[in-house]
PDB file of N, CA and C in Angstrom:
ATOM      1  N   MET A   1     174.236   2.869 -64.931  1.00  0.00           N
ATOM      2  CA  MET A   1     173.738   4.208 -64.739  1.00  0.00           C
ATOM      3  C   MET A   1     172.234   4.201 -64.489  1.00  0.00           C
ATOM      4  N   CYS A   2     171.488   3.406 -65.264  1.00  0.00           N
ATOM      5  CA  CYS A   2     170.040   3.370 -65.110  1.00  0.00           C
ATOM      6  C   CYS A   2     169.606   2.498 -63.939  1.00  0.00           C
ATOM      7  N   LYS A   3     170.464   1.566 -63.528  1.00  0.00           N
ATOM      8  CA  LYS A   3     170.081   0.642 -62.469  1.00  0.00           C
ATOM      9  C   LYS A   3     169.763   1.373 -61.154  1.00  0.00           C
ATOM     10  N   PRO A   4     170.616   2.284 -60.659  1.00  0.00           N
ATOM     11  CA  PRO A   4     170.264   2.981 -59.414  1.00  0.00           C
ATOM     12  C   PRO A   4     168.987   3.809 -59.552  1.00  0.00           C
ATOM     13  N   PHE A   5     168.799   4.402 -60.720  1.00  0.00           N
ATOM     14  CA  PHE A   5     167.602   5.203 -60.941  1.00  0.00           C
ATOM     15  C   PHE A   5     166.350   4.337 -60.869  1.00  0.00           C
ATOM     16  N   LYS A   6     166.408   3.148 -61.468  1.00  0.00           N
ATOM     17  CA  LYS A   6     165.268   2.224 -61.422  1.00  0.00           C
ATOM     18  C   LYS A   6     165.025   1.725 -60.002  1.00  0.00           C
ATOM     19  N   GLU A   7     166.107   1.539 -59.250  1.00  0.00           N
ATOM     20  CA  GLU A   7     165.947   1.112 -57.857  1.00  0.00           C
ATOM     21  C   GLU A   7     165.272   2.205 -57.033  1.00  0.00           C
ATOM     22  N   TYR A   8     165.661   3.459 -57.267  1.00  0.00           N
ATOM     23  CA  TYR A   8     165.022   4.569 -56.547  1.00  0.00           C
ATOM     24  C   TYR A   8     163.542   4.672 -56.913  1.00  0.00           C
ATOM     25  N   LEU A   9     163.232   4.479 -58.185  1.00  0.00           N
ATOM     26  CA  LEU A   9     161.837   4.527 -58.600  1.00  0.00           C
ATOM     27  C   LEU A   9     161.034   3.377 -58.001  1.00  0.00           C
ATOM     28  N   SER A  10     161.643   2.216 -57.904  1.00  0.00           N
ATOM     29  CA  SER A  10     160.917   1.086 -57.305  1.00  0.00           C
ATOM     30  C   SER A  10     160.708   1.323 -55.811  1.00  0.00           C
ATOM     31  N   LEU A  11     161.685   1.934 -55.140  1.00  0.00           N
ATOM     32  CA  LEU A  11     161.501   2.277 -53.732  1.00  0.00           C
ATOM     33  C   LEU A  11     160.402   3.329 -53.569  1.00  0.00           C
ATOM     34  N   LEU A  12     160.400   4.286 -54.461  1.00  0.00           N
ATOM     35  CA  LEU A  12     159.371   5.310 -54.426  1.00  0.00           C
ATOM     36  C   LEU A  12     157.997   4.697 -54.653  1.00  0.00           C
ATOM     37  N   ARG A  13     157.903   3.789 -55.572  1.00  0.00           N
ATOM     38  CA  ARG A  13     156.640   3.118 -55.853  1.00  0.00           C
ATOM     39  C   ARG A  13     156.207   2.258 -54.669  1.00  0.00           C
ATOM     40  N   GLU A  14     157.174   1.629 -54.008  1.00  0.00           N
ATOM     41  CA  GLU A  14     156.865   0.736 -52.898  1.00  0.00           C
ATOM     42  C   GLU A  14     156.425   1.505 -51.655  1.00  0.00           C
ATOM     43  N   TYR A  15     157.033   2.652 -51.394  1.00  0.00           N
ATOM     44  CA  TYR A  15     156.757   3.406 -50.170  1.00  0.00           C
ATOM     45  C   TYR A  15     155.964   4.693 -50.434  1.00  0.00           C
ATOM     46  N   THR A  16     155.114   4.677 -51.433  1.00  0.00           N
ATOM     47  CA  THR A  16     154.335   5.866 -51.776  1.00  0.00           C
ATOM     48  C   THR A  16     153.416   6.273 -50.632  1.00  0.00           C
ATOM     49  N   ARG A  17     152.733   5.338 -50.034  1.00  0.00           N
ATOM     50  CA  ARG A  17     151.809   5.653 -48.937  1.00  0.00           C
ATOM     51  C   ARG A  17     152.543   6.287 -47.762  1.00  0.00           C
ATOM     52  N   GLU A  18     153.685   5.720 -47.404  1.00  0.00           N
ATOM     53  CA  GLU A  18     154.440   6.247 -46.274  1.00  0.00           C
ATOM     54  C   GLU A  18     154.955   7.659 -46.556  1.00  0.00           C
ATOM     55  N   ILE A  19     155.405   7.882 -47.774  1.00  0.00           N
ATOM     56  CA  ILE A  19     155.917   9.208 -48.150  1.00  0.00           C
ATOM     57  C   ILE A  19     154.788  10.236 -48.113  1.00  0.00           C
ATOM     58  N   ILE A  20     153.636   9.881 -48.652  1.00  0.00           N
ATOM     59  CA  ILE A  20     152.496  10.797 -48.655  1.00  0.00           C
ATOM     60  C   ILE A  20     152.016  11.042 -47.225  1.00  0.00           C
ATOM     61  N   THR A  21     151.995  10.007 -46.401  1.00  0.00           N
ATOM     62  CA  THR A  21     151.581  10.163 -45.006  1.00  0.00           C
ATOM     63  C   THR A  21     152.523  11.098 -44.265  1.00  0.00           C
ATOM     64  N   PHE A  22     153.824  10.909 -44.443  1.00  0.00           N
ATOM     65  CA  PHE A  22     154.798  11.773 -43.778  1.00  0.00           C
ATOM     66  C   PHE A  22     154.666  13.216 -44.268  1.00  0.00           C
ATOM     67  N   GLY A  23     154.495  13.389 -45.558  1.00  0.00           N
ATOM     68  CA  GLY A  23     154.302  14.738 -46.103  1.00  0.00           C
ATOM     69  C   GLY A  23     153.033  15.381 -45.570  1.00  0.00           C
ATOM     70  N   GLY A  24     151.981  14.595 -45.455  1.00  0.00           N
ATOM     71  CA  GLY A  24     150.723  15.107 -44.904  1.00  0.00           C
ATOM     72  C   GLY A  24     150.854  15.518 -43.453  1.00  0.00           C
ATOM     73  N   MET A  25     151.579  14.722 -42.673  1.00  0.00           N
ATOM     74  CA  MET A  25     151.790  15.069 -41.266  1.00  0.00           C
ATOM     75  C   MET A  25     152.614  16.349 -41.139  1.00  0.00           C
ATOM     76  N   CYS A  26     153.610  16.509 -41.982  1.00  0.00           N
ATOM     77  CA  CYS A  26     154.405  17.746 -41.971  1.00  0.00           C
ATOM     78  C   CYS A  26     153.530  18.941 -42.326  1.00  0.00           C
ATOM     79  N   LEU A  27     152.661  18.771 -43.309  1.00  0.00           N
ATOM     80  CA  LEU A  27     151.761  19.846 -43.709  1.00  0.00           C
ATOM     81  C   LEU A  27     150.782  20.187 -42.582  1.00  0.00           C
ATOM     82  N   VAL A  28     150.270  19.172 -41.891  1.00  0.00           N
ATOM     83  CA  VAL A  28     149.365  19.408 -40.775  1.00  0.00           C
ATOM     84  C   VAL A  28     150.070  20.194 -39.668  1.00  0.00           C
ATOM     85  N   CYS A  29     151.299  19.830 -39.358  1.00  0.00           N
ATOM     86  CA  CYS A  29     152.054  20.552 -38.326  1.00  0.00           C
ATOM     87  C   CYS A  29     152.290  22.007 -38.734  1.00  0.00           C
ATOM     88  N   PHE A  30     152.616  22.238 -39.989  1.00  0.00           N
ATOM     89  CA  PHE A  30     152.836  23.595 -40.464  1.00  0.00           C
ATOM     90  C   PHE A  30     151.562  24.424 -40.375  1.00  0.00           C
ATOM     91  N   VAL A  31     150.443  23.860 -40.818  1.00  0.00           N
ATOM     92  CA  VAL A  31     149.173  24.581 -40.779  1.00  0.00           C
ATOM     93  C   VAL A  31     148.759  24.850 -39.333  1.00  0.00           C
ATOM     94  N   TYR A  32     148.977  23.884 -38.440  1.00  0.00           N
ATOM     95  CA  TYR A  32     148.626  24.059 -37.028  1.00  0.00           C
ATOM     96  C   TYR A  32     149.411  25.209 -36.407  1.00  0.00           C
ATOM     97  N   THR A  33     150.722  25.244 -36.627  1.00  0.00           N
ATOM     98  CA  THR A  33     151.521  26.309 -36.021  1.00  0.00           C
ATOM     99  C   THR A  33     151.161  27.667 -36.616  1.00  0.00           C
ATOM    100  N   ASP A  34     150.884  27.707 -37.915  1.00  0.00           N
ATOM    101  CA  ASP A  34     150.497  28.964 -38.548  1.00  0.00           C
ATOM    102  C   ASP A  34     149.145  29.434 -38.012  1.00  0.00           C
ATOM    103  N   PHE A  35     148.194  28.521 -37.879  1.00  0.00           N
ATOM    104  CA  PHE A  35     146.879  28.872 -37.356  1.00  0.00           C
ATOM    105  C   PHE A  35     146.965  29.302 -35.906  1.00  0.00           C
ATOM    106  N   LYS A  36     147.809  28.641 -35.137  1.00  0.00           N
ATOM    107  CA  LYS A  36     147.995  28.994 -33.730  1.00  0.00           C
ATOM    108  C   LYS A  36     148.532  30.417 -33.606  1.00  0.00           C
ATOM    109  N   GLN A  37     149.479  30.776 -34.440  1.00  0.00           N
ATOM    110  CA  GLN A  37     150.047  32.125 -34.417  1.00  0.00           C
ATOM    111  C   GLN A  37     148.986  33.159 -34.816  1.00  0.00           C
ATOM    112  N   ILE A  38     148.188  32.864 -35.814  1.00  0.00           N
ATOM    113  CA  ILE A  38     147.129  33.785 -36.238  1.00  0.00           C
ATOM    114  C   ILE A  38     146.128  33.999 -35.109  1.00  0.00           C
ATOM    115  N   VAL A  39     145.744  32.930 -34.431  1.00  0.00           N
ATOM    116  CA  VAL A  39     144.778  33.042 -33.341  1.00  0.00           C
ATOM    117  C   VAL A  39     145.364  33.851 -32.186  1.00  0.00           C
ATOM    118  N   GLN A  40     146.630  33.658 -31.872  1.00  0.00           N
ATOM    119  CA  GLN A  40     147.261  34.435 -30.808  1.00  0.00           C
ATOM    120  C   GLN A  40     147.306  35.916 -31.168  1.00  0.00           C
ATOM    121  N   ASN A  41     147.653  36.240 -32.390  1.00  0.00           N
ATOM    122  CA  ASN A  41     147.665  37.638 -32.822  1.00  0.00           C
ATOM    123  C   ASN A  41     146.267  38.249 -32.756  1.00  0.00           C
ATOM    124  N   GLN A  42     145.275  37.494 -33.170  1.00  0.00           N
ATOM    125  CA  GLN A  42     143.904  37.988 -33.153  1.00  0.00           C
ATOM    126  C   GLN A  42     143.431  38.211 -31.712  1.00  0.00           C
ATOM    127  N   ALA A  43     143.800  37.317 -30.808  1.00  0.00           N
ATOM    128  CA  ALA A  43     143.398  37.474 -29.407  1.00  0.00           C
ATOM    129  C   ALA A  43     144.033  38.714 -28.789  1.00  0.00           C
ATOM    130  N   SER A  44     145.307  38.960 -29.074  1.00  0.00           N
ATOM    131  CA  SER A  44     145.955  40.150 -28.511  1.00  0.00           C
ATOM    132  C   SER A  44     145.367  41.419 -29.118  1.00  0.00           C
ATOM    133  N   THR A  45     145.035  41.401 -30.396  1.00  0.00           N
ATOM    134  CA  THR A  45     144.407  42.561 -31.025  1.00  0.00           C
ATOM    135  C   THR A  45     143.023  42.814 -30.432  1.00  0.00           C
ATOM    136  N   SER A  46     142.275  41.756 -30.199  1.00  0.00           N
ATOM    137  CA  SER A  46     140.949  41.904 -29.598  1.00  0.00           C
ATOM    138  C   SER A  46     141.044  42.470 -28.184  1.00  0.00           C
ATOM    139  N   ALA A  47     142.008  42.004 -27.406  1.00  0.00           N
ATOM    140  CA  ALA A  47     142.190  42.519 -26.048  1.00  0.00           C
ATOM    141  C   ALA A  47     142.545  44.005 -26.080  1.00  0.00           C
ATOM    142  N   HIS A  48     143.392  44.398 -26.998  1.00  0.00           N
ATOM    143  CA  HIS A  48     143.752  45.811 -27.132  1.00  0.00           C
ATOM    144  C   HIS A  48     142.539  46.640 -27.549  1.00  0.00           C
ATOM    145  N   THR A  49     141.733  46.123 -28.458  1.00  0.00           N
ATOM    146  CA  THR A  49     140.526  46.825 -28.898  1.00  0.00           C
ATOM    147  C   THR A  49     139.551  47.013 -27.743  1.00  0.00           C
ATOM    148  N   VAL A  50     139.408  45.994 -26.906  1.00  0.00           N
ATOM    149  CA  VAL A  50     138.516  46.090 -25.750  1.00  0.00           C
ATOM    150  C   VAL A  50     139.015  47.175 -24.798  1.00  0.00           C
ATOM    151  N   ASP A  51     140.319  47.228 -24.562  1.00  0.00           N
ATOM    152  CA  ASP A  51     140.866  48.265 -23.687  1.00  0.00           C
ATOM    153  C   ASP A  51     140.602  49.659 -24.240  1.00  0.00           C
ATOM    154  N   VAL A  52     140.806  49.838 -25.531  1.00  0.00           N
ATOM    155  CA  VAL A  52     140.566  51.143 -26.151  1.00  0.00           C
ATOM    156  C   VAL A  52     139.093  51.514 -26.059  1.00  0.00           C
ATOM    157  N   LEU A  53     138.197  50.565 -26.319  1.00  0.00           N
ATOM    158  CA  LEU A  53     136.769  50.856 -26.246  1.00  0.00           C
ATOM    159  C   LEU A  53     136.329  51.184 -24.824  1.00  0.00           C
ATOM    160  N   ARG A  54     136.898  50.503 -23.833  1.00  0.00           N
ATOM    161  CA  ARG A  54     136.574  50.823 -22.433  1.00  0.00           C
ATOM    162  C   ARG A  54     136.989  52.239 -22.079  1.00  0.00           C
ATOM    163  N   SER A  55     138.198  52.601 -22.480  1.00  0.00           N
ATOM    164  CA  SER A  55     138.660  53.950 -22.166  1.00  0.00           C
ATOM    165  C   SER A  55     137.812  55.005 -22.894  1.00  0.00           C
ATOM    166  N   MET A  56     137.428  54.717 -24.113  1.00  0.00           N
ATOM    167  CA  MET A  56     136.570  55.656 -24.845  1.00  0.00           C
ATOM    168  C   MET A  56     135.201  55.766 -24.179  1.00  0.00           C
ATOM    169  N   ASP A  57     134.672  54.653 -23.693  1.00  0.00           N
ATOM    170  CA  ASP A  57     133.377  54.666 -23.019  1.00  0.00           C
ATOM    171  C   ASP A  57     133.462  55.478 -21.727  1.00  0.00           C
ATOM    172  N   MET A  58     134.525  55.311 -20.984  1.00  0.00           N
ATOM    173  CA  MET A  58     134.697  56.068 -19.744  1.00  0.00           C
ATOM    174  C   MET A  58     134.814  57.565 -20.042  1.00  0.00           C
ATOM    175  N   ARG A  59     135.586  57.922 -21.056  1.00  0.00           N
ATOM    176  CA  ARG A  59     135.733  59.332 -21.413  1.00  0.00           C
ATOM    177  C   ARG A  59     134.406  59.916 -21.876  1.00  0.00           C
ATOM    178  N   LEU A  60     133.658  59.165 -22.663  1.00  0.00           N
ATOM    179  CA  LEU A  60     132.369  59.628 -23.157  1.00  0.00           C
ATOM    180  C   LEU A  60     131.383  59.812 -22.012  1.00  0.00           C
ATOM    181  N   SER A  61     131.343  58.865 -21.090  1.00  0.00           N
ATOM    182  CA  SER A  61     130.422  59.007 -19.952  1.00  0.00           C
ATOM    183  C   SER A  61     130.819  60.204 -19.091  1.00  0.00           C
ATOM    184  N   HIS A  62     132.110  60.445 -18.938  1.00  0.00           N
ATOM    185  CA  HIS A  62     132.574  61.607 -18.182  1.00  0.00           C
ATOM    186  C   HIS A  62     132.150  62.903 -18.889  1.00  0.00           C
ATOM    187  N   ILE A  63     132.279  62.966 -20.188  1.00  0.00           N
ATOM    188  CA  ILE A  63     131.857  64.144 -20.959  1.00  0.00           C
ATOM    189  C   ILE A  63     130.347  64.332 -20.858  1.00  0.00           C
ATOM    190  N   GLU A  64     129.581  63.256 -20.931  1.00  0.00           N
ATOM    191  CA  GLU A  64     128.128  63.339 -20.805  1.00  0.00           C
ATOM    192  C   GLU A  64     127.723  63.858 -19.442  1.00  0.00           C
ATOM    193  N   GLN A  65     128.419  63.407 -18.396  1.00  0.00           N
ATOM    194  CA  GLN A  65     128.101  63.881 -17.044  1.00  0.00           C
ATOM    195  C   GLN A  65     128.410  65.372 -16.911  1.00  0.00           C
ATOM    196  N   ASN A  66     129.504  65.825 -17.517  1.00  0.00           N
ATOM    197  CA  ASN A  66     129.875  67.237 -17.419  1.00  0.00           C
ATOM    198  C   ASN A  66     128.912  68.119 -18.198  1.00  0.00           C
ATOM    199  N   THR A  67     128.423  67.646 -19.339  1.00  0.00           N
ATOM    200  CA  THR A  67     127.501  68.459 -20.128  1.00  0.00           C
ATOM    201  C   THR A  67     126.099  68.430 -19.560  1.00  0.00           C
ATOM    202  N   ALA A  68     125.755  67.424 -18.786  1.00  0.00           N
ATOM    203  CA  ALA A  68     124.413  67.336 -18.193  1.00  0.00           C
ATOM    204  C   ALA A  68     124.281  68.321 -17.033  1.00  0.00           C
ATOM    205  N   ARG A  69     125.321  68.781 -16.469  1.00  0.00           N
ATOM    206  CA  ARG A  69     125.265  69.704 -15.320  1.00  0.00           C
ATOM    207  C   ARG A  69     124.843  71.059 -15.720  1.00  0.00           C
TER     208      ARG A  69
END
């Protein structure tokens, strides 16, 4: 009963670097995809904000021209 458990522990001890490296690479991939999604959302929000500000600027300039007459 204890023999397989000791074998698993010895394998874990032997391949600790490889396991940590693989886990680190998985974590890097997860963080990269999450960061990529955040940046894409931020870019689309910024583009929408620019469009809204342009339209507001055009409306304001039109109102200023009408009141200056």
